[in-house]
């Protein structure tokens, strides 16, 4: 019985951590750039619009999926 984790597992973990780190850097860069250009209110407004747009699109897709399940 082999109780060790293989090299593939560790390469996947390193890849996931690296992708997460790059994503965090990009998010902080985006927030910082918005803050410098538009100030606090503009940044909050921008991210509110992004979040509301995502929510609208997600809800519309889910409503269509539920409608297809009823039929």
N, C-alpha and C. Protein backbone atom coordinates (compact mmCIF):
# COMPACT_ATOMS: atom_id res chain seq x y z
N UNK A 1 0.84 -1.17 0.00
CA UNK A 1 0.00 0.00 0.00
C UNK A 1 0.89 1.24 0.00
N UNK A 2 0.60 2.17 -0.89
CA UNK A 2 1.40 3.38 -1.03
C UNK A 2 0.67 4.54 -0.37
N UNK A 3 1.24 5.09 0.70
CA UNK A 3 0.60 6.19 1.42
C UNK A 3 1.14 7.56 1.02
N UNK A 4 2.00 7.62 0.03
CA UNK A 4 2.60 8.89 -0.37
C UNK A 4 1.76 9.56 -1.45
N UNK A 5 1.82 10.88 -1.45
CA UNK A 5 1.17 11.64 -2.52
C UNK A 5 2.17 11.78 -3.66
N UNK A 6 1.69 11.61 -4.86
CA UNK A 6 2.59 11.63 -6.01
C UNK A 6 3.00 13.05 -6.40
N UNK A 7 3.94 13.11 -7.32
CA UNK A 7 4.43 14.40 -7.80
C UNK A 7 3.33 15.18 -8.52
N UNK A 8 2.45 14.46 -9.20
CA UNK A 8 1.35 15.14 -9.91
C UNK A 8 0.46 15.92 -8.97
N UNK A 9 0.21 15.36 -7.81
CA UNK A 9 -0.61 16.06 -6.81
C UNK A 9 0.04 17.36 -6.41
N UNK A 10 1.35 17.32 -6.12
CA UNK A 10 2.04 18.52 -5.67
C UNK A 10 2.15 19.56 -6.78
N UNK A 11 2.33 19.12 -8.03
CA UNK A 11 2.35 20.07 -9.13
C UNK A 11 0.99 20.75 -9.30
N UNK A 12 -0.08 20.00 -9.10
CA UNK A 12 -1.42 20.59 -9.18
C UNK A 12 -1.63 21.60 -8.06
N UNK A 13 -1.19 21.27 -6.84
CA UNK A 13 -1.33 22.19 -5.71
C UNK A 13 -0.53 23.46 -5.97
N UNK A 14 0.71 23.33 -6.46
CA UNK A 14 1.53 24.50 -6.76
C UNK A 14 0.87 25.34 -7.84
N UNK A 15 0.30 24.71 -8.85
CA UNK A 15 -0.39 25.45 -9.92
C UNK A 15 -1.61 26.20 -9.41
N UNK A 16 -2.39 25.55 -8.54
CA UNK A 16 -3.58 26.20 -7.98
C UNK A 16 -3.18 27.39 -7.12
N UNK A 17 -2.16 27.21 -6.28
CA UNK A 17 -1.70 28.31 -5.42
C UNK A 17 -1.16 29.46 -6.26
N UNK A 18 -0.39 29.15 -7.32
CA UNK A 18 0.14 30.20 -8.18
C UNK A 18 -0.98 30.95 -8.90
N UNK A 19 -1.98 30.23 -9.40
CA UNK A 19 -3.11 30.88 -10.06
C UNK A 19 -3.88 31.76 -9.09
N UNK A 20 -4.07 31.29 -7.86
CA UNK A 20 -4.75 32.07 -6.84
C UNK A 20 -3.96 33.35 -6.52
N UNK A 21 -2.64 33.23 -6.40
CA UNK A 21 -1.80 34.39 -6.09
C UNK A 21 -1.86 35.41 -7.22
N UNK A 22 -1.78 34.96 -8.45
CA UNK A 22 -1.85 35.87 -9.59
C UNK A 22 -3.22 36.54 -9.64
N UNK A 23 -4.27 35.79 -9.37
CA UNK A 23 -5.62 36.37 -9.34
C UNK A 23 -5.76 37.43 -8.26
N UNK A 24 -5.20 37.18 -7.08
CA UNK A 24 -5.24 38.17 -6.00
C UNK A 24 -4.49 39.44 -6.38
N UNK A 25 -3.33 39.28 -7.00
CA UNK A 25 -2.56 40.45 -7.44
C UNK A 25 -3.36 41.26 -8.45
N UNK A 26 -4.00 40.58 -9.40
CA UNK A 26 -4.79 41.29 -10.40
C UNK A 26 -5.99 42.02 -9.78
N UNK A 27 -6.64 41.39 -8.82
CA UNK A 27 -7.78 42.03 -8.17
C UNK A 27 -7.33 43.26 -7.39
N UNK A 28 -6.25 43.13 -6.61
CA UNK A 28 -5.75 44.29 -5.87
C UNK A 28 -5.28 45.39 -6.81
N UNK A 29 -4.68 45.02 -7.93
CA UNK A 29 -4.26 46.03 -8.91
C UNK A 29 -5.47 46.75 -9.49
N UNK A 30 -6.53 46.01 -9.80
CA UNK A 30 -7.74 46.61 -10.35
C UNK A 30 -8.39 47.55 -9.34
N UNK A 31 -8.46 47.14 -8.08
CA UNK A 31 -9.04 47.99 -7.05
C UNK A 31 -8.20 49.24 -6.86
N UNK A 32 -6.89 49.08 -6.82
CA UNK A 32 -6.00 50.23 -6.65
C UNK A 32 -6.08 51.21 -7.82
N UNK A 33 -6.15 50.67 -9.03
CA UNK A 33 -6.24 51.54 -10.21
C UNK A 33 -7.57 52.30 -10.21
N UNK A 34 -8.64 51.64 -9.85
CA UNK A 34 -9.94 52.32 -9.79
C UNK A 34 -9.93 53.38 -8.69
N UNK A 35 -9.31 53.08 -7.56
CA UNK A 35 -9.24 54.02 -6.45
C UNK A 35 -8.48 55.28 -6.86
N UNK A 36 -7.35 55.12 -7.54
CA UNK A 36 -6.54 56.26 -7.96
C UNK A 36 -7.28 57.10 -9.00
N UNK A 37 -7.97 56.46 -9.92
CA UNK A 37 -8.62 57.19 -11.00
C UNK A 37 -9.93 57.85 -10.57
N UNK A 38 -10.73 57.15 -9.76
CA UNK A 38 -12.07 57.64 -9.48
C UNK A 38 -12.34 57.95 -8.02
N UNK A 39 -11.43 57.64 -7.14
CA UNK A 39 -11.65 57.89 -5.72
C UNK A 39 -12.51 56.79 -5.10
N UNK A 40 -12.82 56.98 -3.84
CA UNK A 40 -13.55 55.95 -3.08
C UNK A 40 -14.96 55.75 -3.63
N UNK A 41 -15.68 56.83 -3.87
CA UNK A 41 -17.06 56.71 -4.34
C UNK A 41 -17.12 56.08 -5.73
N UNK A 42 -16.23 56.49 -6.60
CA UNK A 42 -16.20 55.92 -7.94
C UNK A 42 -15.86 54.45 -7.93
N UNK A 43 -14.94 54.05 -7.05
CA UNK A 43 -14.58 52.64 -6.94
C UNK A 43 -15.75 51.82 -6.45
N UNK A 44 -16.44 52.30 -5.42
CA UNK A 44 -17.61 51.58 -4.92
C UNK A 44 -18.70 51.49 -5.98
N UNK A 45 -18.91 52.57 -6.71
CA UNK A 45 -19.91 52.58 -7.77
C UNK A 45 -19.53 51.59 -8.87
N UNK A 46 -18.27 51.58 -9.28
CA UNK A 46 -17.81 50.68 -10.33
C UNK A 46 -18.02 49.22 -9.93
N UNK A 47 -17.57 48.85 -8.74
CA UNK A 47 -17.70 47.45 -8.33
C UNK A 47 -19.14 47.08 -8.02
N UNK A 48 -19.96 48.04 -7.64
CA UNK A 48 -21.39 47.77 -7.46
C UNK A 48 -22.04 47.46 -8.80
N UNK A 49 -21.68 48.22 -9.81
CA UNK A 49 -22.23 47.99 -11.15
C UNK A 49 -21.77 46.63 -11.68
N UNK A 50 -20.50 46.28 -11.46
CA UNK A 50 -20.00 44.97 -11.89
C UNK A 50 -20.75 43.85 -11.18
N UNK A 51 -20.94 43.97 -9.86
CA UNK A 51 -21.63 42.93 -9.10
C UNK A 51 -23.09 42.82 -9.50
N UNK A 52 -23.77 43.93 -9.71
CA UNK A 52 -25.17 43.89 -10.12
C UNK A 52 -25.33 43.30 -11.51
N UNK A 53 -24.41 43.61 -12.42
CA UNK A 53 -24.46 43.04 -13.76
C UNK A 53 -24.26 41.53 -13.71
N UNK A 54 -23.30 41.08 -12.92
CA UNK A 54 -23.07 39.64 -12.77
C UNK A 54 -24.31 38.97 -12.16
N UNK A 55 -24.89 39.57 -11.15
CA UNK A 55 -26.08 39.00 -10.52
C UNK A 55 -27.25 38.92 -11.48
N UNK A 56 -27.43 39.96 -12.29
CA UNK A 56 -28.52 39.96 -13.27
C UNK A 56 -28.34 38.84 -14.29
N UNK A 57 -27.11 38.71 -14.82
CA UNK A 57 -26.86 37.67 -15.82
C UNK A 57 -26.99 36.27 -15.23
N UNK A 58 -26.51 36.09 -14.01
CA UNK A 58 -26.61 34.79 -13.35
C UNK A 58 -28.07 34.44 -13.09
N UNK A 59 -28.86 35.40 -12.60
CA UNK A 59 -30.27 35.16 -12.31
C UNK A 59 -31.05 34.84 -13.58
N UNK A 60 -30.74 35.55 -14.65
CA UNK A 60 -31.43 35.31 -15.92
C UNK A 60 -31.12 33.90 -16.42
N UNK A 61 -29.86 33.46 -16.28
CA UNK A 61 -29.48 32.12 -16.72
C UNK A 61 -30.16 31.06 -15.86
N UNK A 62 -30.25 31.28 -14.55
CA UNK A 62 -30.90 30.32 -13.67
C UNK A 62 -32.40 30.26 -13.94
N UNK A 63 -33.02 31.39 -14.19
CA UNK A 63 -34.46 31.40 -14.49
C UNK A 63 -34.74 30.60 -15.76
N UNK A 64 -33.87 30.74 -16.76
CA UNK A 64 -34.03 29.98 -18.00
C UNK A 64 -33.84 28.49 -17.73
N UNK A 65 -32.90 28.14 -16.87
CA UNK A 65 -32.65 26.74 -16.54
C UNK A 65 -33.87 26.15 -15.81
N UNK A 66 -34.46 26.90 -14.88
CA UNK A 66 -35.63 26.41 -14.16
C UNK A 66 -36.83 26.28 -15.09
N UNK A 67 -36.95 27.19 -16.03
CA UNK A 67 -38.06 27.11 -16.99
C UNK A 67 -37.91 25.85 -17.85
N UNK A 68 -36.68 25.52 -18.24
CA UNK A 68 -36.45 24.32 -19.04
C UNK A 68 -36.75 23.05 -18.24
N UNK A 69 -36.53 23.06 -16.94
CA UNK A 69 -36.82 21.90 -16.11
C UNK A 69 -38.32 21.67 -15.94
N UNK A 70 -39.09 22.75 -15.94
CA UNK A 70 -40.55 22.62 -15.80
C UNK A 70 -41.18 22.01 -17.04
N UNK A 71 -40.63 22.30 -18.19
CA UNK A 71 -41.22 21.82 -19.45
C UNK A 71 -41.05 20.36 -19.66
